[in-house]
Amino acid sequence: MDELYDEDYFERGIETGKSCYQNYRWMPEATMSMAMTMIDLLGIKKDDTILDYGCALGYLVKAFRLLHRNAWGVDVSEYAIRNIDPAVKPYCSRWPFPTHPQLIFDFGIAKDVFEHIYPEELFILLRTTLSVRKLFVVVPLGENGKYFATPNDFDVTHINCEDFYWWEKQFQLGGWSVLWFGNQIDGIKDSYYEKYPEGHGFYILEKDGENE
C-alpha cells in the first residue's frame, strides 16, 4: 500500500479520490500552534527526543524544531520523504530506518496514522518496533464501516474504522497503558468539533513497565 501515498495523495487527493488532502503544504500558524499544544499537553522538555511516526513532508517536525525541540520523523511514503521540507531533511527518513541514533525516543507522535495500518501489522509495530516511552495517538473513530467524521470516509487508504474500545484493546495488546483519552483538544483538529464532536480519539499512552 505504500505506493498509494504518492503525489496524487498529497497534492490532488480530493480530485483523484485518494484522500482529503489538496495542495498539502506548510501552514506555519496552524502547525506551530499544534506543536505547542502537544508540547504543553505531553510536557515535552527541550532535552527530550520526539519521533513523528508518519511525518509526511515533515511539517510537524519543522514546527517542533522551530520551538527548540529535538524532533525526528519517519514515513513509509517515498514521495513524502523525497519531497521533505528542506529545513528538516537531515532529520527525516523513510521507515523503518530512523535517522536518529538513539534507540528509544522519549515521545512518539502518531497523528492520523494508525487507521492506515492493518491490525496484525499494528500489533507488531506497537509491541516490538516503535521505540518510544510515551506515545500520543490521534485516530478517527467510527463503527459499522463508517467514520463519525464523514470526511475520513473519503481516504482510500483508511483501513481501521473502529470505536474507542477497539482502539483501547489494540493498544493494550500491543503493550501500552492508556493514561488519558479524549475526543477534543483545543489546537488540534478544531475545525471538526462543531460538526463532529466525537469524530476523533486522542490517546496518551505509556509503554508497559516504564515506571517499574
Protein backbone atom coordinates (compact mmCIF):
# COMPACT_ATOMS: atom_id res chain seq x y z
CA MET A 1 0.00 0.00 0.00
CA ASP A 2 2.99 2.32 0.42
CA GLU A 3 2.84 3.30 -3.24
CA LEU A 4 -0.61 4.87 -2.71
CA TYR A 5 0.96 7.71 -0.75
CA ASP A 6 2.18 9.42 -3.90
CA GLU A 7 1.95 12.91 -5.37
CA ASP A 8 -1.77 12.50 -6.09
CA TYR A 9 -2.43 11.51 -2.48
CA PHE A 10 -0.85 14.65 -1.04
CA GLU A 11 -1.40 17.24 -3.76
CA ARG A 12 -4.59 16.17 -5.54
CA GLY A 13 -6.28 13.85 -3.08
CA ILE A 14 -9.80 15.24 -3.46
CA GLU A 15 -9.86 15.37 -7.25
CA THR A 16 -8.26 11.92 -7.62
CA GLY A 17 -10.44 10.32 -4.92
CA LYS A 18 -7.44 9.15 -2.90
CA SER A 19 -7.61 11.36 0.18
CA CYS A 20 -8.88 14.58 1.71
CA TYR A 21 -5.58 16.35 1.08
CA GLN A 22 -5.27 19.08 -1.51
CA ASN A 23 -2.14 21.13 -2.09
CA TYR A 24 -0.53 19.75 1.07
CA ARG A 25 1.78 22.50 2.29
CA TRP A 26 3.46 24.21 5.22
CA MET A 27 0.91 26.22 7.20
CA PRO A 28 3.01 27.82 9.94
CA GLU A 29 0.29 29.33 12.11
CA ALA A 30 -1.74 26.12 12.40
CA THR A 31 1.21 23.74 12.65
CA MET A 32 3.19 25.80 15.15
CA SER A 33 0.07 26.08 17.30
CA MET A 34 -0.49 22.32 17.11
CA ALA A 35 3.12 21.57 18.04
CA MET A 36 2.93 23.92 21.03
CA THR A 37 -0.30 22.25 22.12
CA MET A 38 1.44 18.86 22.06
CA ILE A 39 4.43 20.21 23.98
CA ASP A 40 2.16 21.57 26.72
CA LEU A 41 -0.10 18.51 26.79
CA LEU A 42 2.70 15.96 26.97
CA GLY A 43 5.18 18.03 28.96
CA ILE A 44 7.94 17.78 26.34
CA LYS A 45 11.12 19.40 27.63
CA LYS A 46 13.88 20.89 25.50
CA ASP A 47 16.24 17.95 26.01
CA ASP A 48 13.58 15.33 25.23
CA THR A 49 13.56 13.49 21.90
CA ILE A 50 10.47 13.15 19.70
CA LEU A 51 9.69 10.74 16.87
CA ASP A 52 6.92 11.80 14.49
CA TYR A 53 5.78 8.46 13.09
CA GLY A 54 4.08 9.22 9.79
CA CYS A 55 5.75 12.59 9.36
CA ALA A 56 4.61 13.08 5.72
CA LEU A 57 6.51 16.11 4.37
CA GLY A 58 7.97 16.90 7.78
CA TYR A 59 5.94 19.94 8.74
CA LEU A 60 5.29 18.92 12.35
CA VAL A 61 8.97 18.05 12.75
CA LYS A 62 9.77 21.51 11.41
CA ALA A 63 7.41 23.14 13.91
CA PHE A 64 8.91 21.23 16.84
CA ARG A 65 12.42 22.19 15.76
CA LEU A 66 11.46 25.85 15.44
CA LEU A 67 10.25 25.52 19.03
CA HIS A 68 13.67 24.15 20.02
CA ARG A 69 12.63 20.52 20.47
CA ASN A 70 14.67 17.53 19.27
CA ALA A 71 12.22 16.12 16.75
CA TRP A 72 12.79 13.45 14.11
CA GLY A 73 10.44 11.94 11.56
CA VAL A 74 9.85 8.76 9.57
CA ASP A 75 7.30 7.90 6.89
CA VAL A 76 6.55 4.98 4.58
CA SER A 77 5.93 7.27 1.62
CA GLU A 78 8.81 7.53 -0.81
CA TYR A 79 7.19 10.61 -2.33
CA ALA A 80 6.90 12.34 1.05
CA ILE A 81 10.50 11.72 2.07
CA ARG A 82 11.81 12.67 -1.36
CA ASN A 83 9.91 15.97 -1.09
CA ILE A 84 10.50 16.58 2.60
CA ASP A 85 10.69 20.18 3.73
CA PRO A 86 14.33 21.22 3.17
CA ALA A 87 14.54 22.65 6.68
CA VAL A 88 14.21 19.16 8.22
CA LYS A 89 15.75 16.97 5.54
CA PRO A 90 18.58 15.83 7.87
CA TYR A 91 16.04 14.74 10.48
CA CYS A 92 13.53 12.73 8.44
CA SER A 93 13.87 9.40 6.68
CA ARG A 94 11.85 6.59 5.25
CA TRP A 95 10.58 4.00 7.70
CA PRO A 96 11.96 1.68 9.02
CA PHE A 97 15.29 3.48 9.07
CA PRO A 98 15.13 6.23 11.73
CA THR A 99 17.90 8.77 11.29
CA HIS A 100 18.34 9.42 14.98
CA PRO A 101 20.99 7.16 16.58
CA GLN A 102 19.13 6.92 19.88
CA LEU A 103 17.27 3.62 20.22
CA ILE A 104 14.41 4.85 22.40
CA PHE A 105 12.70 8.22 21.96
CA ASP A 106 11.10 9.97 24.90
CA PHE A 107 7.92 10.77 22.97
CA GLY A 108 6.25 9.46 19.85
CA ILE A 109 3.57 11.20 17.82
CA ALA A 110 1.22 9.16 15.63
CA LYS A 111 -1.33 11.62 14.32
CA ASP A 112 -3.69 10.32 11.60
CA VAL A 113 -1.52 7.24 11.08
CA PHE A 114 -2.75 4.09 12.80
CA GLU A 115 -6.01 3.99 10.86
CA HIS A 116 -3.87 3.18 7.80
CA ILE A 117 -2.22 0.08 9.31
CA TYR A 118 -3.63 -3.46 9.28
CA PRO A 119 -4.26 -4.71 12.84
CA GLU A 120 -1.69 -7.51 12.65
CA GLU A 121 0.97 -5.04 11.48
CA LEU A 122 -0.11 -2.52 14.11
CA PHE A 123 0.36 -5.17 16.80
CA ILE A 124 3.96 -5.77 15.72
CA LEU A 125 4.62 -2.05 15.48
CA LEU A 126 3.31 -1.38 18.97
CA ARG A 127 4.80 -4.48 20.57
CA THR A 128 8.32 -4.52 19.13
CA THR A 129 9.12 -1.83 16.57
CA LEU A 130 8.03 1.58 17.82
CA SER A 131 10.73 2.52 20.33
CA VAL A 132 9.24 5.36 22.34
CA ARG A 133 8.45 5.73 26.03
CA LYS A 134 5.24 7.71 25.69
CA LEU A 135 3.01 7.90 22.66
CA PHE A 136 0.43 10.46 21.58
CA VAL A 137 -2.08 8.99 19.13
CA VAL A 138 -4.82 10.67 17.10
CA VAL A 139 -7.20 8.42 15.15
CA PRO A 140 -10.61 8.86 13.51
CA LEU A 141 -13.33 6.94 15.32
CA GLY A 142 -16.24 5.08 13.74
CA GLU A 143 -18.38 1.96 13.70
CA ASN A 144 -20.07 -0.34 11.19
CA GLY A 145 -17.68 0.76 8.47
CA LYS A 146 -18.49 4.47 8.73
CA TYR A 147 -16.47 7.17 10.43
CA PHE A 148 -18.19 9.58 12.80
CA ALA A 149 -16.45 12.42 10.93
CA THR A 150 -17.55 11.68 7.38
CA PRO A 151 -14.54 13.29 5.58
CA ASN A 152 -12.49 10.33 6.83
CA ASP A 153 -14.59 8.01 4.67
CA PHE A 154 -13.03 9.52 1.55
CA ASP A 155 -9.46 8.35 2.15
CA VAL A 156 -8.96 5.07 0.29
CA THR A 157 -6.00 4.13 2.50
CA HIS A 158 -8.06 4.09 5.70
CA ILE A 159 -8.34 0.51 6.97
CA ASN A 160 -9.47 0.66 10.59
CA CYS A 161 -12.87 2.24 11.23
CA GLU A 162 -13.46 1.42 14.89
CA ASP A 163 -14.65 2.88 18.17
CA PHE A 164 -12.79 3.87 21.33
CA TYR A 165 -12.98 0.41 22.90
CA TRP A 166 -11.46 -1.32 19.88
CA TRP A 167 -8.53 1.06 19.83
CA GLU A 168 -8.00 0.74 23.58
CA LYS A 169 -7.81 -3.03 23.18
CA GLN A 170 -5.27 -2.75 20.35
CA PHE A 171 -3.06 -0.53 22.47
CA GLN A 172 -3.28 -2.86 25.45
CA LEU A 173 -2.49 -5.90 23.28
CA GLY A 174 0.49 -4.01 21.95
CA GLY A 175 1.84 -3.48 25.45
CA TRP A 176 0.65 0.06 26.21
CA SER A 177 -1.41 1.59 29.00
CA VAL A 178 -3.90 4.34 28.24
CA LEU A 179 -3.02 7.26 30.52
CA TRP A 180 -5.61 9.63 29.07
CA PHE A 181 -8.31 9.70 26.39
CA GLY A 182 -10.42 12.48 24.95
CA ASN A 183 -12.45 13.46 21.90
CA GLN A 184 -11.31 17.06 21.69
CA ILE A 185 -8.11 19.01 22.33
CA ASP A 186 -8.09 22.73 21.62
CA GLY A 187 -5.44 23.37 18.99
CA ILE A 188 -5.70 20.02 17.19
CA LYS A 189 -8.41 19.32 14.61
CA ASP A 190 -10.50 22.25 15.82
CA SER A 191 -12.38 22.50 12.51
CA TYR A 192 -14.11 19.17 13.19
CA TYR A 193 -15.57 19.82 16.61
CA GLU A 194 -18.69 21.78 15.78
CA LYS A 195 -19.99 19.22 13.31
CA TYR A 196 -18.24 16.05 14.52
CA PRO A 197 -17.62 16.41 18.29
CA GLU A 198 -16.79 12.71 18.71
CA GLY A 199 -15.11 12.22 15.34
CA HIS A 200 -11.60 11.56 16.66
CA GLY A 201 -9.90 9.89 19.55
CA PHE A 202 -6.88 11.39 21.31
CA TYR A 203 -4.80 9.00 23.41
CA ILE A 204 -1.78 9.41 25.63
CA LEU A 205 -0.12 6.03 26.05
CA GLU A 206 2.76 4.75 28.14
CA LYS A 207 4.78 1.65 27.39
CA ASP A 208 4.03 -1.02 29.98
CA GLY A 209 6.80 -1.34 32.55
CA GLU A 210 8.24 2.14 32.04
CA ASN A 211 7.60 3.14 35.65
CA GLU A 212 8.55 -0.18 37.23
